[in-house]
Amino acid sequence: MIRRVSWVSLITSHPPLDKRTGSRPNPPLSLSASRHMRLRRLLILLLPLTLLMSGPARSQSTVSLFSNLVPATPVDPYTGPTTNGVKFWSSQAGTISAIRFYRAATSRLGYSVMLYSADGKTLLGYVKMKTESGPVPGWQQADFATPIPIKANTTYVAANYAPTGQYADTQHALRQTVTSGPLNAPAAPLVGGNGVWVRNRGFPHYTWNSSNFFVDVVFLPAGSRYLSIALTPANPTIPSTAPLGTVVAKITVTWSDGSPFTGTLSFGLPNSNGGGVYAIDSNNNLIIDPAGSGVGASGGSVQNVTIVATQ
């Protein structure tokens, strides 16, 4: 049996004053797809997983956060040496075999990539590249000599040093959590900022507008399969006047190998159901709890909900 936990941030904002009445109308409530997922295998539940993994060996595929995503700003005009990175973690243990980064300008001085612990005190891996590994513009990849093991539910920082700057970025792209299989680039507000940088070579720890600097990892999960949780729509918006019972988002849980999810959804720690505001109906929808207080008093606040999938 596997439990998958998803933290969802519910964000409200105040609209401008109504010039006719001098008051503010009810603000909209937006649901950002800020999800932290962690995989928990309980000792008593290992036997079914072992049975599912038995039989002929199955090939495994690697996972990356951003796939073939293209940045809004392919070439930043700054040409000084810069290290950019991303905070990430996986709900499942495994290995990092490479670090990817997007380039739309060549560098005569090459590049370096690094894998750090969350605090930057431990350099787990380093590769120096003399030139790009593929066409420019496009994603480049630096392979570690030996894949680096990482633990589940533990934050790491993947970084790329560009001596000539001209890095890629999309501002505000990490205001919501990016999830790909077991990998998560957590939303900037949840981890003290994400999309990190520093001038020159070093551990990137500054942030700017929750920017995605298009640094990524190549990750091979341990084991044969894992659970993923997704919301549809990913970033829904509902008015604060929405009545009790309103559907906020559809919750979809999938196995990586395509097997159907036949388990249950519930709320759990640390955020539970937002103080009784939200509920999960029989169709696996996240809704405004029909027996709760509603969202009318939530304008200008941020609420967090923790959803747990168990099978």
Protein backbone atom coordinates (compact mmCIF):
# COMPACT_ATOMS: atom_id res chain seq x y z
CA MET A 1 0.00 0.00 0.00
CA ILE A 2 1.19 3.49 -0.80
CA ARG A 3 0.12 6.85 0.61
CA ARG A 4 0.63 9.95 -1.50
CA VAL A 5 0.21 13.33 0.16
CA SER A 6 -0.53 16.56 -1.69
CA TRP A 7 -0.51 20.03 -0.13
CA VAL A 8 -2.72 22.47 -2.02
CA SER A 9 -2.55 26.26 -1.50
CA LEU A 10 -5.79 28.22 -1.74
CA ILE A 11 -5.12 31.92 -2.37
CA THR A 12 -7.61 34.78 -2.11
CA SER A 13 -7.18 38.40 -3.17
CA HIS A 14 -9.06 41.64 -2.66
CA PRO A 15 -10.48 43.42 -5.75
CA PRO A 16 -10.46 47.24 -6.15
CA LEU A 17 -13.04 49.43 -4.45
CA ASP A 18 -16.45 49.81 -6.09
CA LYS A 19 -16.66 53.54 -6.91
CA ARG A 20 -20.44 53.51 -6.58
CA THR A 21 -20.61 52.00 -3.10
CA GLY A 22 -17.16 52.71 -1.70
CA SER A 23 -16.81 49.07 -0.71
CA ARG A 24 -15.04 46.06 -2.11
CA PRO A 25 -17.04 43.36 -3.88
CA ASN A 26 -16.51 39.79 -2.83
CA PRO A 27 -13.00 38.77 -3.92
CA PRO A 28 -12.30 35.77 -6.12
CA LEU A 29 -10.72 32.69 -4.64
CA SER A 30 -7.99 31.09 -6.71
CA LEU A 31 -6.55 27.65 -6.22
CA SER A 32 -2.89 27.43 -7.07
CA ALA A 33 -1.46 24.04 -7.92
CA SER A 34 1.03 24.23 -5.07
CA ARG A 35 1.46 20.61 -4.24
CA HIS A 36 4.00 18.95 -2.04
CA MET A 37 3.83 15.19 -2.41
CA ARG A 38 5.58 12.62 -0.33
CA LEU A 39 5.44 8.86 -0.63
CA ARG A 40 5.18 6.84 2.57
CA ARG A 41 5.63 3.07 2.57
CA LEU A 42 4.57 1.53 5.86
CA LEU A 43 6.35 -1.66 6.86
CA ILE A 44 3.14 -3.58 7.26
CA LEU A 45 2.16 -2.60 3.72
CA LEU A 46 5.26 -3.69 1.88
CA LEU A 47 4.05 -7.17 1.00
CA PRO A 48 1.50 -6.13 -1.67
CA LEU A 49 4.13 -3.94 -3.32
CA THR A 50 6.59 -6.83 -3.38
CA LEU A 51 4.01 -9.01 -5.07
CA LEU A 52 3.28 -6.33 -7.65
CA MET A 53 6.97 -6.04 -8.45
CA SER A 54 7.58 -9.77 -8.83
CA GLY A 55 7.90 -11.58 -12.15
CA PRO A 56 9.87 -10.56 -15.28
CA ALA A 57 11.97 -7.43 -14.95
CA ARG A 58 10.41 -4.29 -16.40
CA SER A 59 12.38 -1.45 -17.98
CA GLN A 60 12.34 1.85 -16.10
CA SER A 61 12.19 5.30 -17.61
CA THR A 62 13.74 8.48 -16.25
CA VAL A 63 11.74 11.49 -15.10
CA SER A 64 12.48 15.21 -15.42
CA LEU A 65 10.61 18.23 -14.09
CA PHE A 66 10.26 20.43 -17.16
CA SER A 67 10.44 18.00 -20.08
CA ASN A 68 10.82 20.04 -23.30
CA LEU A 69 9.42 23.27 -21.88
CA VAL A 70 10.65 26.45 -23.60
CA PRO A 71 11.40 29.62 -21.56
CA ALA A 72 9.62 32.94 -22.03
CA THR A 73 13.05 34.64 -22.02
CA PRO A 74 15.47 32.31 -23.83
CA VAL A 75 18.45 34.66 -23.42
CA ASP A 76 18.75 37.03 -20.48
CA PRO A 77 20.79 40.11 -21.50
CA TYR A 78 23.10 39.82 -18.47
CA THR A 79 26.48 38.47 -19.62
CA GLY A 80 28.26 38.10 -16.27
CA PRO A 81 29.03 34.74 -14.65
CA THR A 82 25.93 33.37 -12.94
CA THR A 83 24.84 30.22 -11.16
CA ASN A 84 21.14 29.36 -11.43
CA GLY A 85 19.24 26.50 -9.88
CA VAL A 86 16.05 24.91 -8.64
CA LYS A 87 15.00 23.39 -5.33
CA PHE A 88 13.40 19.99 -5.81
CA TRP A 89 12.54 16.78 -4.05
CA SER A 90 11.08 13.40 -4.87
CA SER A 91 8.36 11.44 -3.14
CA GLN A 92 10.34 8.31 -3.98
CA ALA A 93 14.00 7.46 -3.52
CA GLY A 94 16.12 6.96 -6.61
CA THR A 95 19.17 8.30 -8.44
CA ILE A 96 20.08 11.49 -10.32
CA SER A 97 22.07 10.60 -13.42
CA ALA A 98 22.35 14.06 -14.99
CA ILE A 99 21.43 17.73 -14.79
CA ARG A 100 19.72 19.44 -17.70
CA PHE A 101 19.61 23.16 -18.53
CA TYR A 102 18.21 25.23 -21.37
CA ARG A 103 20.49 27.38 -23.55
CA ALA A 104 19.67 29.71 -26.43
CA ALA A 105 23.17 31.21 -26.62
CA THR A 106 26.46 29.35 -26.86
CA SER A 107 29.24 29.79 -24.30
CA ARG A 108 32.89 29.72 -25.35
CA LEU A 109 33.81 29.03 -21.71
CA GLY A 110 31.60 25.99 -21.28
CA TYR A 111 29.45 25.23 -18.25
CA SER A 112 29.39 23.44 -14.91
CA VAL A 113 26.53 21.66 -13.16
CA MET A 114 26.22 20.84 -9.49
CA LEU A 115 23.92 18.88 -7.20
CA TYR A 116 23.75 20.25 -3.64
CA SER A 117 22.10 19.41 -0.37
CA ALA A 118 19.30 21.82 0.55
CA ASP A 119 21.56 24.08 2.63
CA GLY A 120 24.43 24.03 0.13
CA LYS A 121 26.88 22.63 2.67
CA THR A 122 27.31 19.36 0.78
CA LEU A 123 28.23 19.20 -2.90
CA LEU A 124 26.89 15.82 -4.00
CA GLY A 125 27.92 15.94 -7.65
CA TYR A 126 29.84 18.10 -10.14
CA VAL A 127 30.38 18.00 -13.91
CA LYS A 128 32.26 20.45 -16.12
CA MET A 129 31.26 20.73 -19.80
CA LYS A 130 33.52 22.29 -22.43
CA THR A 131 30.67 22.96 -24.83
CA GLU A 132 26.97 22.35 -25.38
CA SER A 133 25.75 18.76 -25.56
CA GLY A 134 23.08 19.44 -28.17
CA PRO A 135 21.62 22.01 -30.55
CA VAL A 136 21.25 25.64 -29.46
CA PRO A 137 18.62 26.78 -28.68
CA GLY A 138 17.63 23.72 -26.73
CA TRP A 139 18.12 21.60 -23.64
CA GLN A 140 21.68 20.58 -22.73
CA GLN A 141 22.61 17.66 -20.49
CA ALA A 142 25.61 16.96 -18.27
CA ASP A 143 25.89 13.35 -17.08
CA PHE A 144 27.43 12.40 -13.76
CA ALA A 145 30.12 9.73 -13.91
CA THR A 146 28.06 7.69 -11.45
CA PRO A 147 24.33 8.23 -10.70
CA ILE A 148 23.84 9.99 -7.37
CA PRO A 149 21.35 8.45 -4.93
CA ILE A 150 18.79 10.74 -3.32
CA LYS A 151 16.39 10.11 -0.46
CA ALA A 152 12.63 10.42 -0.58
CA ASN A 153 11.00 13.59 0.76
CA THR A 154 14.34 15.41 1.00
CA THR A 155 15.10 18.75 -0.63
CA TYR A 156 18.06 19.15 -2.99
CA VAL A 157 19.27 21.94 -5.28
CA ALA A 158 20.26 21.35 -8.91
CA ALA A 159 22.45 24.13 -10.29
CA ASN A 160 24.07 25.29 -13.52
CA TYR A 161 27.03 27.70 -13.70
CA ALA A 162 27.19 29.80 -16.88
CA PRO A 163 30.44 31.85 -17.09
CA THR A 164 28.96 34.06 -19.82
CA GLY A 165 25.50 34.51 -18.31
CA GLN A 166 22.74 34.71 -20.91
CA TYR A 167 20.69 32.16 -19.00
CA ALA A 168 17.05 31.33 -19.72
CA ASP A 169 14.13 32.18 -17.45
CA THR A 170 10.40 32.56 -17.09
CA GLN A 171 9.39 34.87 -14.25
CA HIS A 172 6.67 33.78 -11.79
CA ALA A 173 6.68 30.23 -13.21
CA LEU A 174 7.45 28.70 -9.80
CA ARG A 175 4.71 30.46 -7.87
CA GLN A 176 2.98 27.08 -8.08
CA THR A 177 4.51 23.68 -7.51
CA VAL A 178 5.65 21.88 -10.66
CA THR A 179 5.11 18.11 -10.43
CA SER A 180 6.30 15.39 -12.79
CA GLY A 181 5.78 11.86 -11.53
CA PRO A 182 7.49 11.66 -8.12
CA LEU A 183 9.51 14.86 -8.74
CA ASN A 184 8.42 18.19 -7.31
CA ALA A 185 9.77 21.72 -7.69
CA PRO A 186 7.92 23.24 -4.73
CA ALA A 187 6.07 26.53 -5.01
CA ALA A 188 8.28 29.46 -4.01
CA PRO A 189 6.05 30.62 -1.11
CA LEU A 190 6.26 27.18 0.50
CA VAL A 191 10.07 26.91 0.65
CA GLY A 192 11.31 30.45 1.18
CA GLY A 193 11.61 31.04 -2.56
CA ASN A 194 12.36 28.82 -5.54
CA GLY A 195 14.18 29.50 -8.73
CA VAL A 196 17.52 30.37 -7.10
CA TRP A 197 20.61 32.21 -8.32
CA VAL A 198 23.90 33.81 -7.31
CA ARG A 199 26.40 35.88 -9.24
CA ASN A 200 29.65 34.07 -10.09
CA ARG A 201 30.20 30.44 -9.15
CA GLY A 202 28.66 29.26 -5.89
CA PHE A 203 25.61 27.89 -4.15
CA PRO A 204 22.51 29.66 -5.52
CA HIS A 205 20.42 31.04 -2.67
CA TYR A 206 18.90 34.32 -3.91
CA THR A 207 15.47 34.38 -5.56
CA TRP A 208 13.83 36.69 -8.10
CA ASN A 209 10.11 36.77 -8.88
CA SER A 210 9.71 33.01 -8.40
CA SER A 211 11.53 32.56 -11.71
CA ASN A 212 12.12 29.24 -13.39
CA PHE A 213 15.74 29.30 -14.60
CA PHE A 214 15.29 26.05 -16.54
CA VAL A 215 17.66 23.86 -14.59
CA ASP A 216 16.39 20.30 -14.32
CA VAL A 217 17.41 16.77 -13.32
CA VAL A 218 17.30 13.32 -14.90
CA PHE A 219 15.87 11.06 -12.20
CA LEU A 220 15.40 7.29 -12.08
CA PRO A 221 12.92 6.28 -9.36
CA ALA A 222 13.65 3.23 -7.26
CA GLY A 223 11.02 0.51 -7.58
CA SER A 224 8.66 -0.15 -10.45
CA ARG A 225 5.86 2.37 -9.93
CA TYR A 226 4.60 5.36 -7.98
CA LEU A 227 1.45 7.41 -7.39
CA SER A 228 0.79 10.89 -8.73
CA ILE A 229 -1.92 13.38 -7.74
CA ALA A 230 -3.20 16.04 -10.14
CA LEU A 231 -5.91 18.71 -10.05
CA THR A 232 -8.16 19.65 -12.98
CA PRO A 233 -8.06 22.49 -13.68
CA ALA A 234 -4.54 22.89 -12.34
CA ASN A 235 -5.16 26.49 -11.22
CA PRO A 236 -8.93 26.95 -10.83
CA THR A 237 -10.58 30.19 -9.73
CA ILE A 238 -13.86 30.47 -7.85
CA PRO A 239 -15.64 33.54 -6.47
CA SER A 240 -15.81 33.96 -2.71
CA THR A 241 -19.59 34.02 -3.13
CA ALA A 242 -19.49 30.41 -4.32
CA PRO A 243 -22.16 28.43 -2.46
CA LEU A 244 -21.49 25.47 -0.23
CA GLY A 245 -20.92 22.32 -2.25
CA THR A 246 -19.24 24.12 -5.18
CA VAL A 247 -16.64 22.00 -6.99
CA VAL A 248 -13.17 23.54 -6.74
CA ALA A 249 -11.19 20.93 -8.68
CA LYS A 250 -11.25 17.34 -9.86
CA ILE A 251 -8.65 15.18 -8.07
CA THR A 252 -7.04 12.52 -10.23
CA VAL A 253 -4.70 9.86 -8.85
CA THR A 254 -2.69 7.68 -11.23
CA TRP A 255 -0.12 4.91 -11.05
CA SER A 256 3.00 5.41 -13.15
CA ASP A 257 2.52 2.05 -14.85
CA GLY A 258 -1.06 2.82 -15.89
CA SER A 259 -2.73 0.60 -13.31
CA PRO A 260 -6.05 1.99 -12.07
CA PHE A 261 -6.15 3.73 -8.70
CA THR A 262 -8.64 1.88 -6.53
CA GLY A 263 -7.80 3.42 -3.17
CA THR A 264 -9.23 6.28 -1.18
CA LEU A 265 -8.75 10.04 -0.88
CA SER A 266 -8.78 11.85 2.43
CA PHE A 267 -7.34 14.87 4.22
CA GLY A 268 -4.27 14.65 6.41
CA LEU A 269 -1.60 16.57 8.28
CA PRO A 270 -0.30 19.19 8.29
CA ASN A 271 -3.11 21.25 6.73
CA SER A 272 -6.07 18.86 6.70
CA ASN A 273 -9.17 20.41 5.07
CA GLY A 274 -8.43 24.09 5.66
CA GLY A 275 -10.16 24.30 9.01
CA GLY A 276 -13.33 22.57 7.84
CA VAL A 277 -13.80 24.70 4.71
CA TYR A 278 -13.24 21.94 2.12
CA ALA A 279 -14.37 18.37 1.55
CA ILE A 280 -13.89 15.54 -0.95
CA ASP A 281 -17.07 14.18 -2.51
CA SER A 282 -17.85 10.68 -3.78
CA ASN A 283 -16.61 11.60 -7.27
CA ASN A 284 -13.14 12.59 -6.00
CA ASN A 285 -13.84 16.31 -6.37
CA LEU A 286 -12.40 18.89 -4.00
CA ILE A 287 -15.45 20.92 -2.98
CA ILE A 288 -16.51 23.62 -0.55
CA ASP A 289 -17.78 21.60 2.39
CA PRO A 290 -21.61 21.64 2.38
CA ALA A 291 -21.50 21.50 6.17
CA GLY A 292 -18.72 24.08 6.54
CA SER A 293 -18.47 27.84 6.90
CA GLY A 294 -17.80 28.59 3.22
CA VAL A 295 -15.11 30.81 1.69
CA GLY A 296 -16.77 34.23 2.05
CA ALA A 297 -14.47 35.30 4.89
CA SER A 298 -11.29 34.19 3.11
CA GLY A 299 -10.58 37.27 1.00
CA GLY A 300 -6.91 38.24 0.98
CA SER A 301 -5.77 35.08 2.75
CA VAL A 302 -3.91 31.90 1.83
CA GLN A 303 -5.34 28.55 2.85
CA ASN A 304 -3.60 25.19 2.61
CA VAL A 305 -5.21 21.80 2.15
CA THR A 306 -3.47 18.43 2.44
CA ILE A 307 -4.89 15.60 0.32
CA VAL A 308 -3.83 12.01 0.96
CA ALA A 309 -4.22 9.17 -1.57
CA THR A 310 -3.98 5.69 -0.06
CA GLN A 311 -3.93 2.31 -1.77
